[in-house]
N, C-alpha and C. Protein backbone atom coordinates (compact mmCIF):
# COMPACT_ATOMS: atom_id res chain seq x y z
N MET A 1 93.75 5.82 -12.15
CA MET A 1 93.26 4.55 -11.66
C MET A 1 93.33 4.53 -10.14
N ALA A 2 92.42 3.82 -9.54
CA ALA A 2 92.38 3.70 -8.08
C ALA A 2 93.20 2.50 -7.64
N SER A 3 93.71 2.59 -6.45
CA SER A 3 94.54 1.50 -5.97
C SER A 3 93.74 0.44 -5.23
N ASN A 4 92.56 0.80 -4.71
CA ASN A 4 91.78 -0.21 -3.99
C ASN A 4 90.29 0.17 -3.98
N LEU A 5 89.49 -0.82 -3.63
CA LEU A 5 88.05 -0.64 -3.64
C LEU A 5 87.59 0.37 -2.59
N GLU A 6 88.25 0.40 -1.45
CA GLU A 6 87.88 1.34 -0.38
C GLU A 6 87.99 2.79 -0.86
N SER A 7 89.06 3.12 -1.57
CA SER A 7 89.22 4.50 -2.04
C SER A 7 88.17 4.85 -3.10
N ILE A 8 87.77 3.88 -3.90
CA ILE A 8 86.72 4.11 -4.89
C ILE A 8 85.39 4.40 -4.19
N GLN A 9 85.04 3.56 -3.23
CA GLN A 9 83.78 3.73 -2.51
C GLN A 9 83.75 5.06 -1.76
N GLU A 10 84.83 5.41 -1.09
CA GLU A 10 84.89 6.68 -0.37
C GLU A 10 84.81 7.86 -1.33
N GLY A 11 85.43 7.73 -2.51
CA GLY A 11 85.36 8.79 -3.51
C GLY A 11 83.93 9.02 -4.00
N ILE A 12 83.19 7.95 -4.17
CA ILE A 12 81.79 8.05 -4.59
C ILE A 12 80.96 8.72 -3.50
N LEU A 13 81.14 8.29 -2.26
CA LEU A 13 80.39 8.88 -1.14
C LEU A 13 80.71 10.37 -0.98
N THR A 14 81.97 10.73 -1.13
CA THR A 14 82.37 12.13 -1.03
C THR A 14 81.75 12.95 -2.15
N TYR A 15 81.80 12.44 -3.38
CA TYR A 15 81.21 13.12 -4.52
C TYR A 15 79.72 13.37 -4.30
N LEU A 16 79.00 12.35 -3.88
CA LEU A 16 77.56 12.49 -3.67
C LEU A 16 77.26 13.44 -2.51
N GLY A 17 77.99 13.28 -1.40
CA GLY A 17 77.77 14.13 -0.24
C GLY A 17 78.05 15.59 -0.51
N THR A 18 79.00 15.87 -1.38
CA THR A 18 79.36 17.24 -1.72
C THR A 18 78.37 17.88 -2.67
N ASN A 19 77.74 17.08 -3.53
CA ASN A 19 76.92 17.63 -4.61
C ASN A 19 75.41 17.48 -4.45
N LEU A 20 74.97 16.84 -3.38
CA LEU A 20 73.54 16.68 -3.14
C LEU A 20 73.13 17.40 -1.86
N ALA A 21 71.96 18.00 -1.87
CA ALA A 21 71.46 18.69 -0.68
C ALA A 21 71.02 17.69 0.39
N GLN A 22 70.54 16.53 -0.03
CA GLN A 22 70.08 15.53 0.92
C GLN A 22 71.26 14.72 1.46
N PRO A 23 71.16 14.26 2.70
CA PRO A 23 72.22 13.38 3.22
C PRO A 23 72.29 12.08 2.44
N VAL A 24 73.50 11.58 2.26
CA VAL A 24 73.73 10.28 1.63
C VAL A 24 74.30 9.37 2.70
N ILE A 25 73.57 8.30 2.99
CA ILE A 25 73.90 7.40 4.09
C ILE A 25 74.15 6.01 3.54
N GLU A 26 75.25 5.39 3.94
CA GLU A 26 75.47 3.99 3.58
C GLU A 26 74.61 3.16 4.52
N GLN A 27 73.62 2.50 3.96
CA GLN A 27 72.61 1.81 4.76
C GLN A 27 71.99 0.71 3.93
N GLY A 28 71.59 -0.37 4.57
CA GLY A 28 70.80 -1.38 3.88
C GLY A 28 69.47 -0.78 3.47
N ILE A 29 68.66 -1.52 2.74
CA ILE A 29 67.37 -1.00 2.32
C ILE A 29 66.55 -0.68 3.56
N PRO A 30 66.16 0.58 3.74
CA PRO A 30 65.46 0.97 4.96
C PRO A 30 64.10 0.28 5.10
N ASP A 31 63.75 0.01 6.33
CA ASP A 31 62.40 -0.46 6.64
C ASP A 31 61.83 0.46 7.71
N ALA A 32 60.67 0.14 8.25
CA ALA A 32 60.01 1.03 9.22
C ALA A 32 60.86 1.26 10.46
N GLU A 33 61.72 0.32 10.80
CA GLU A 33 62.57 0.46 11.99
C GLU A 33 63.87 1.21 11.71
N THR A 34 64.41 1.07 10.49
CA THR A 34 65.73 1.64 10.20
C THR A 34 65.70 2.93 9.40
N VAL A 35 64.52 3.34 8.90
CA VAL A 35 64.44 4.59 8.15
C VAL A 35 64.85 5.74 9.07
N LEU A 36 65.64 6.68 8.53
CA LEU A 36 66.11 7.80 9.34
C LEU A 36 64.97 8.77 9.61
N ARG A 37 64.91 9.21 10.85
CA ARG A 37 63.85 10.14 11.26
C ARG A 37 64.46 11.39 11.88
N ASN A 38 63.72 12.49 11.78
CA ASN A 38 64.15 13.70 12.45
C ASN A 38 63.70 13.67 13.91
N LYS A 39 64.00 14.72 14.65
CA LYS A 39 63.68 14.74 16.09
C LYS A 39 62.18 14.65 16.37
N ALA A 40 61.36 15.11 15.43
CA ALA A 40 59.91 15.04 15.60
C ALA A 40 59.34 13.69 15.18
N GLY A 41 60.19 12.78 14.69
CA GLY A 41 59.74 11.46 14.27
C GLY A 41 59.34 11.38 12.81
N GLY A 42 59.44 12.50 12.09
CA GLY A 42 59.09 12.51 10.67
C GLY A 42 60.26 12.06 9.81
N ILE A 43 60.00 11.95 8.53
CA ILE A 43 61.01 11.53 7.57
C ILE A 43 61.48 12.74 6.77
N ASP A 44 62.75 13.06 6.88
CA ASP A 44 63.35 14.06 6.01
C ASP A 44 63.95 13.32 4.82
N PRO A 45 63.93 13.89 3.61
CA PRO A 45 64.47 13.19 2.45
C PRO A 45 65.95 12.86 2.63
N TYR A 46 66.32 11.68 2.20
CA TYR A 46 67.73 11.27 2.19
C TYR A 46 67.92 10.15 1.17
N ILE A 47 69.17 9.80 0.93
CA ILE A 47 69.50 8.74 -0.01
C ILE A 47 70.29 7.67 0.73
N ALA A 48 69.78 6.44 0.66
CA ALA A 48 70.49 5.29 1.22
C ALA A 48 71.23 4.62 0.07
N VAL A 49 72.52 4.38 0.26
CA VAL A 49 73.33 3.76 -0.80
C VAL A 49 73.85 2.41 -0.31
N GLN A 50 73.86 1.45 -1.23
CA GLN A 50 74.43 0.14 -0.97
C GLN A 50 75.42 -0.16 -2.09
N PHE A 51 76.62 -0.57 -1.73
CA PHE A 51 77.62 -0.98 -2.71
C PHE A 51 77.49 -2.48 -2.93
N GLY A 52 77.47 -2.88 -4.19
CA GLY A 52 77.43 -4.30 -4.51
C GLY A 52 78.83 -4.86 -4.62
N ASP A 53 78.91 -6.16 -4.76
CA ASP A 53 80.18 -6.85 -4.96
C ASP A 53 80.64 -6.61 -6.39
N ILE A 54 81.94 -6.33 -6.60
CA ILE A 54 82.42 -6.06 -7.95
C ILE A 54 82.22 -7.29 -8.83
N GLN A 55 82.00 -7.01 -10.12
CA GLN A 55 81.76 -8.05 -11.11
C GLN A 55 82.77 -7.91 -12.22
N GLN A 56 83.04 -9.01 -12.92
CA GLN A 56 83.97 -8.94 -14.04
C GLN A 56 83.46 -7.95 -15.07
N GLY A 57 84.41 -7.20 -15.63
CA GLY A 57 84.07 -6.26 -16.68
C GLY A 57 83.68 -6.97 -17.96
N ARG A 58 83.33 -6.20 -18.93
CA ARG A 58 82.86 -6.80 -20.19
C ARG A 58 83.99 -7.32 -21.05
N ALA A 59 85.17 -6.73 -20.91
CA ALA A 59 86.31 -7.18 -21.71
C ALA A 59 87.09 -8.21 -20.90
N HIS A 60 86.87 -9.49 -21.22
CA HIS A 60 87.61 -10.52 -20.51
C HIS A 60 87.90 -11.70 -21.43
N SER A 61 88.90 -12.45 -21.02
CA SER A 61 89.30 -13.63 -21.77
C SER A 61 89.25 -14.83 -20.83
N MET A 62 89.79 -15.96 -21.26
CA MET A 62 89.75 -17.15 -20.41
C MET A 62 90.57 -16.99 -19.13
N ILE A 63 91.50 -16.05 -19.11
CA ILE A 63 92.30 -15.87 -17.91
C ILE A 63 91.75 -14.81 -16.97
N GLY A 64 90.63 -14.19 -17.33
CA GLY A 64 90.00 -13.20 -16.45
C GLY A 64 89.79 -11.87 -17.14
N PRO A 65 89.43 -10.84 -16.35
CA PRO A 65 89.20 -9.52 -16.93
C PRO A 65 90.45 -8.97 -17.58
N ARG A 66 90.29 -8.34 -18.76
CA ARG A 66 91.41 -7.69 -19.42
C ARG A 66 91.51 -6.25 -18.95
N GLY A 67 92.69 -5.77 -18.73
CA GLY A 67 92.89 -4.39 -18.32
C GLY A 67 92.40 -4.10 -16.92
N ASP A 68 92.23 -5.12 -16.12
CA ASP A 68 91.76 -4.97 -14.74
C ASP A 68 90.43 -4.23 -14.66
N ASP A 69 89.56 -4.47 -15.63
CA ASP A 69 88.23 -3.85 -15.64
C ASP A 69 87.25 -4.65 -14.79
N TYR A 70 86.55 -3.95 -13.95
CA TYR A 70 85.49 -4.55 -13.15
C TYR A 70 84.31 -3.58 -13.14
N ILE A 71 83.14 -4.08 -12.82
CA ILE A 71 81.95 -3.23 -12.69
C ILE A 71 81.55 -3.23 -11.22
N LEU A 72 81.41 -2.03 -10.67
CA LEU A 72 80.96 -1.86 -9.29
C LEU A 72 79.48 -1.49 -9.32
N PRO A 73 78.60 -2.38 -8.84
CA PRO A 73 77.18 -2.04 -8.78
C PRO A 73 76.90 -1.10 -7.60
N LEU A 74 76.03 -0.15 -7.83
CA LEU A 74 75.58 0.76 -6.78
C LEU A 74 74.06 0.76 -6.76
N TYR A 75 73.50 0.67 -5.57
CA TYR A 75 72.06 0.63 -5.40
C TYR A 75 71.66 1.79 -4.49
N PHE A 76 70.70 2.59 -4.93
CA PHE A 76 70.25 3.75 -4.17
C PHE A 76 68.77 3.62 -3.85
N GLN A 77 68.41 4.04 -2.66
CA GLN A 77 67.01 4.18 -2.28
C GLN A 77 66.83 5.66 -1.95
N CYS A 78 66.06 6.37 -2.75
CA CYS A 78 65.78 7.78 -2.51
C CYS A 78 64.53 7.84 -1.64
N VAL A 79 64.70 8.26 -0.40
CA VAL A 79 63.65 8.17 0.62
C VAL A 79 63.03 9.54 0.86
N GLY A 80 61.71 9.56 0.98
CA GLY A 80 61.01 10.81 1.27
C GLY A 80 59.68 10.55 1.95
N PRO A 81 59.09 11.60 2.51
CA PRO A 81 57.81 11.44 3.22
C PRO A 81 56.61 11.32 2.26
N THR A 82 56.79 11.71 0.99
CA THR A 82 55.72 11.59 0.00
C THR A 82 56.31 11.01 -1.28
N PRO A 83 55.48 10.44 -2.14
CA PRO A 83 56.00 9.93 -3.41
C PRO A 83 56.66 11.01 -4.26
N ALA A 84 56.10 12.21 -4.29
CA ALA A 84 56.66 13.29 -5.11
C ALA A 84 58.05 13.69 -4.63
N ILE A 85 58.26 13.72 -3.33
CA ILE A 85 59.57 14.09 -2.80
C ILE A 85 60.59 13.00 -3.10
N ALA A 86 60.23 11.73 -2.90
CA ALA A 86 61.15 10.63 -3.20
C ALA A 86 61.52 10.63 -4.68
N ARG A 87 60.54 10.84 -5.53
CA ARG A 87 60.80 10.90 -6.97
C ARG A 87 61.69 12.08 -7.32
N GLY A 88 61.45 13.23 -6.71
CA GLY A 88 62.29 14.41 -6.95
C GLY A 88 63.73 14.20 -6.54
N VAL A 89 63.95 13.54 -5.42
CA VAL A 89 65.31 13.22 -4.97
C VAL A 89 65.97 12.29 -5.97
N GLN A 90 65.23 11.30 -6.45
CA GLN A 90 65.79 10.37 -7.43
C GLN A 90 66.13 11.09 -8.73
N ASN A 91 65.28 12.01 -9.16
CA ASN A 91 65.58 12.78 -10.38
C ASN A 91 66.86 13.58 -10.23
N ARG A 92 67.06 14.17 -9.07
CA ARG A 92 68.30 14.93 -8.82
C ARG A 92 69.51 14.01 -8.83
N LEU A 93 69.38 12.83 -8.23
CA LEU A 93 70.46 11.84 -8.24
C LEU A 93 70.80 11.45 -9.67
N LEU A 94 69.80 11.18 -10.49
CA LEU A 94 70.03 10.83 -11.90
C LEU A 94 70.76 11.94 -12.63
N ASP A 95 70.30 13.18 -12.44
CA ASP A 95 70.95 14.32 -13.11
C ASP A 95 72.42 14.43 -12.73
N LEU A 96 72.71 14.22 -11.47
CA LEU A 96 74.08 14.35 -10.98
C LEU A 96 74.95 13.15 -11.35
N PHE A 97 74.44 11.96 -11.10
CA PHE A 97 75.30 10.78 -11.17
C PHE A 97 75.54 10.31 -12.60
N LEU A 98 74.58 10.52 -13.50
CA LEU A 98 74.81 10.10 -14.88
C LEU A 98 75.90 10.92 -15.55
N GLY A 99 76.14 12.13 -15.07
CA GLY A 99 77.20 12.95 -15.63
C GLY A 99 78.50 12.90 -14.86
N ALA A 100 78.58 12.03 -13.88
CA ALA A 100 79.77 11.98 -13.01
C ALA A 100 80.98 11.47 -13.77
N LYS A 101 82.13 12.04 -13.42
CA LYS A 101 83.40 11.59 -13.99
C LYS A 101 84.37 11.36 -12.84
N PHE A 102 84.97 10.19 -12.85
CA PHE A 102 85.96 9.83 -11.84
C PHE A 102 87.23 9.40 -12.56
N PRO A 103 88.40 9.69 -12.01
CA PRO A 103 89.64 9.34 -12.72
C PRO A 103 89.87 7.84 -12.86
N TRP A 104 89.24 7.04 -12.03
CA TRP A 104 89.46 5.60 -12.03
C TRP A 104 88.30 4.83 -12.67
N ALA A 105 87.37 5.57 -13.30
CA ALA A 105 86.16 4.91 -13.77
C ALA A 105 85.89 5.18 -15.24
N GLY A 106 85.17 4.26 -15.83
CA GLY A 106 84.63 4.47 -17.16
C GLY A 106 83.29 5.18 -17.00
N ASN A 107 82.42 4.94 -17.92
CA ASN A 107 81.11 5.58 -17.88
C ASN A 107 80.28 5.08 -16.70
N VAL A 108 79.52 5.99 -16.12
CA VAL A 108 78.52 5.59 -15.13
C VAL A 108 77.31 5.15 -15.93
N ARG A 109 76.94 3.89 -15.76
CA ARG A 109 75.83 3.33 -16.55
C ARG A 109 74.62 3.11 -15.66
N LYS A 110 73.49 3.52 -16.15
CA LYS A 110 72.24 3.29 -15.44
C LYS A 110 71.82 1.85 -15.69
N ARG A 111 71.44 1.17 -14.63
CA ARG A 111 70.90 -0.18 -14.75
C ARG A 111 69.40 -0.10 -14.51
N PRO A 112 68.66 -1.09 -15.02
CA PRO A 112 67.22 -1.08 -14.77
C PRO A 112 66.94 -1.10 -13.27
N GLY A 113 65.94 -0.37 -12.88
CA GLY A 113 65.56 -0.32 -11.47
C GLY A 113 64.08 -0.58 -11.31
N GLY A 114 63.62 -0.44 -10.12
CA GLY A 114 62.21 -0.67 -9.85
C GLY A 114 61.46 0.65 -9.75
N GLY A 115 60.20 0.56 -9.43
CA GLY A 115 59.37 1.74 -9.28
C GLY A 115 59.20 2.10 -7.81
N MET A 116 58.45 3.11 -7.58
CA MET A 116 58.17 3.61 -6.23
C MET A 116 57.58 2.51 -5.37
N PHE A 117 58.03 2.44 -4.13
CA PHE A 117 57.38 1.55 -3.18
C PHE A 117 57.35 2.20 -1.81
N SER A 118 56.49 1.72 -0.97
CA SER A 118 56.33 2.32 0.35
C SER A 118 56.93 1.41 1.41
N THR A 119 57.31 2.03 2.52
CA THR A 119 57.77 1.31 3.70
C THR A 119 56.65 1.39 4.71
N THR A 120 56.18 0.25 5.13
CA THR A 120 55.05 0.22 6.06
C THR A 120 55.48 -0.34 7.41
N ASN A 121 54.73 0.01 8.44
CA ASN A 121 55.00 -0.54 9.77
C ASN A 121 54.12 -1.77 10.00
N SER A 122 54.15 -2.32 11.19
CA SER A 122 53.42 -3.55 11.46
C SER A 122 51.90 -3.39 11.38
N SER A 123 51.41 -2.15 11.47
CA SER A 123 49.97 -1.94 11.34
C SER A 123 49.59 -1.54 9.91
N ALA A 124 50.52 -1.71 8.99
CA ALA A 124 50.34 -1.47 7.55
C ALA A 124 50.19 0.01 7.18
N SER A 125 50.52 0.92 8.08
CA SER A 125 50.49 2.34 7.70
C SER A 125 51.85 2.72 7.10
N THR A 126 51.81 3.60 6.12
CA THR A 126 53.01 3.98 5.39
C THR A 126 53.87 4.91 6.23
N GLU A 127 55.14 4.57 6.32
CA GLU A 127 56.12 5.37 7.05
C GLU A 127 56.90 6.29 6.10
N ALA A 128 57.25 5.78 4.92
CA ALA A 128 58.05 6.54 3.97
C ALA A 128 57.85 5.95 2.58
N TYR A 129 58.31 6.70 1.58
CA TYR A 129 58.29 6.23 0.20
C TYR A 129 59.72 6.16 -0.30
N MET A 130 59.99 5.17 -1.15
CA MET A 130 61.33 5.00 -1.69
C MET A 130 61.28 4.80 -3.19
N MET A 131 62.20 5.48 -3.85
CA MET A 131 62.36 5.35 -5.30
C MET A 131 63.76 4.82 -5.55
N PRO A 132 63.89 3.57 -6.02
CA PRO A 132 65.22 2.98 -6.20
C PRO A 132 65.88 3.37 -7.52
N SER A 133 67.19 3.34 -7.52
CA SER A 133 68.01 3.50 -8.72
C SER A 133 69.19 2.56 -8.61
N SER A 134 69.61 2.04 -9.75
CA SER A 134 70.77 1.15 -9.78
C SER A 134 71.71 1.61 -10.89
N PHE A 135 73.01 1.60 -10.58
CA PHE A 135 74.03 2.00 -11.53
C PHE A 135 75.15 0.97 -11.53
N GLY A 136 75.91 0.95 -12.60
CA GLY A 136 77.13 0.16 -12.68
C GLY A 136 78.24 1.06 -13.15
N ILE A 137 79.34 1.05 -12.44
CA ILE A 137 80.49 1.88 -12.81
C ILE A 137 81.65 0.96 -13.16
N VAL A 138 82.19 1.14 -14.36
CA VAL A 138 83.37 0.38 -14.76
C VAL A 138 84.56 0.99 -14.04
N VAL A 139 85.24 0.20 -13.22
CA VAL A 139 86.39 0.69 -12.47
C VAL A 139 87.64 -0.06 -12.93
N GLN A 140 88.77 0.60 -12.76
CA GLN A 140 90.05 -0.02 -13.11
C GLN A 140 90.96 0.06 -11.89
N PHE A 141 91.62 -1.03 -11.61
CA PHE A 141 92.58 -1.09 -10.53
C PHE A 141 93.99 -1.07 -11.10
N GLU A 142 94.92 -0.56 -10.33
CA GLU A 142 96.32 -0.53 -10.77
C GLU A 142 96.92 -1.91 -10.62
């Protein structure tokens, strides 16, 4: 079991950073101004992660969660210069993260997500493509 939320979040970031070829950046949903660019101004594939606020676990009574179970939502934006690259990054994330095991967590559960969308600039030209994924991890605190 983990002792605090910070160690859980850092453990997830370390796991992803160690096992994925693309950089994993804690970032809000990227837009044309905040999307990461290489030195030439292009978009290299990367994953933007957002941690949600913990939610009560499924096993609870009138006095609160039983067994200190909570669900930590995770939101990912798999970013790429083309739809195929963004989708490929998301497929790799799914393959890796659905099989993840952490000592302080229950099953990594896939939550419904959206489809491919583009990031456009003020002149409506596409800057990047993003494929979102959402997960919920049951975590336990000591």
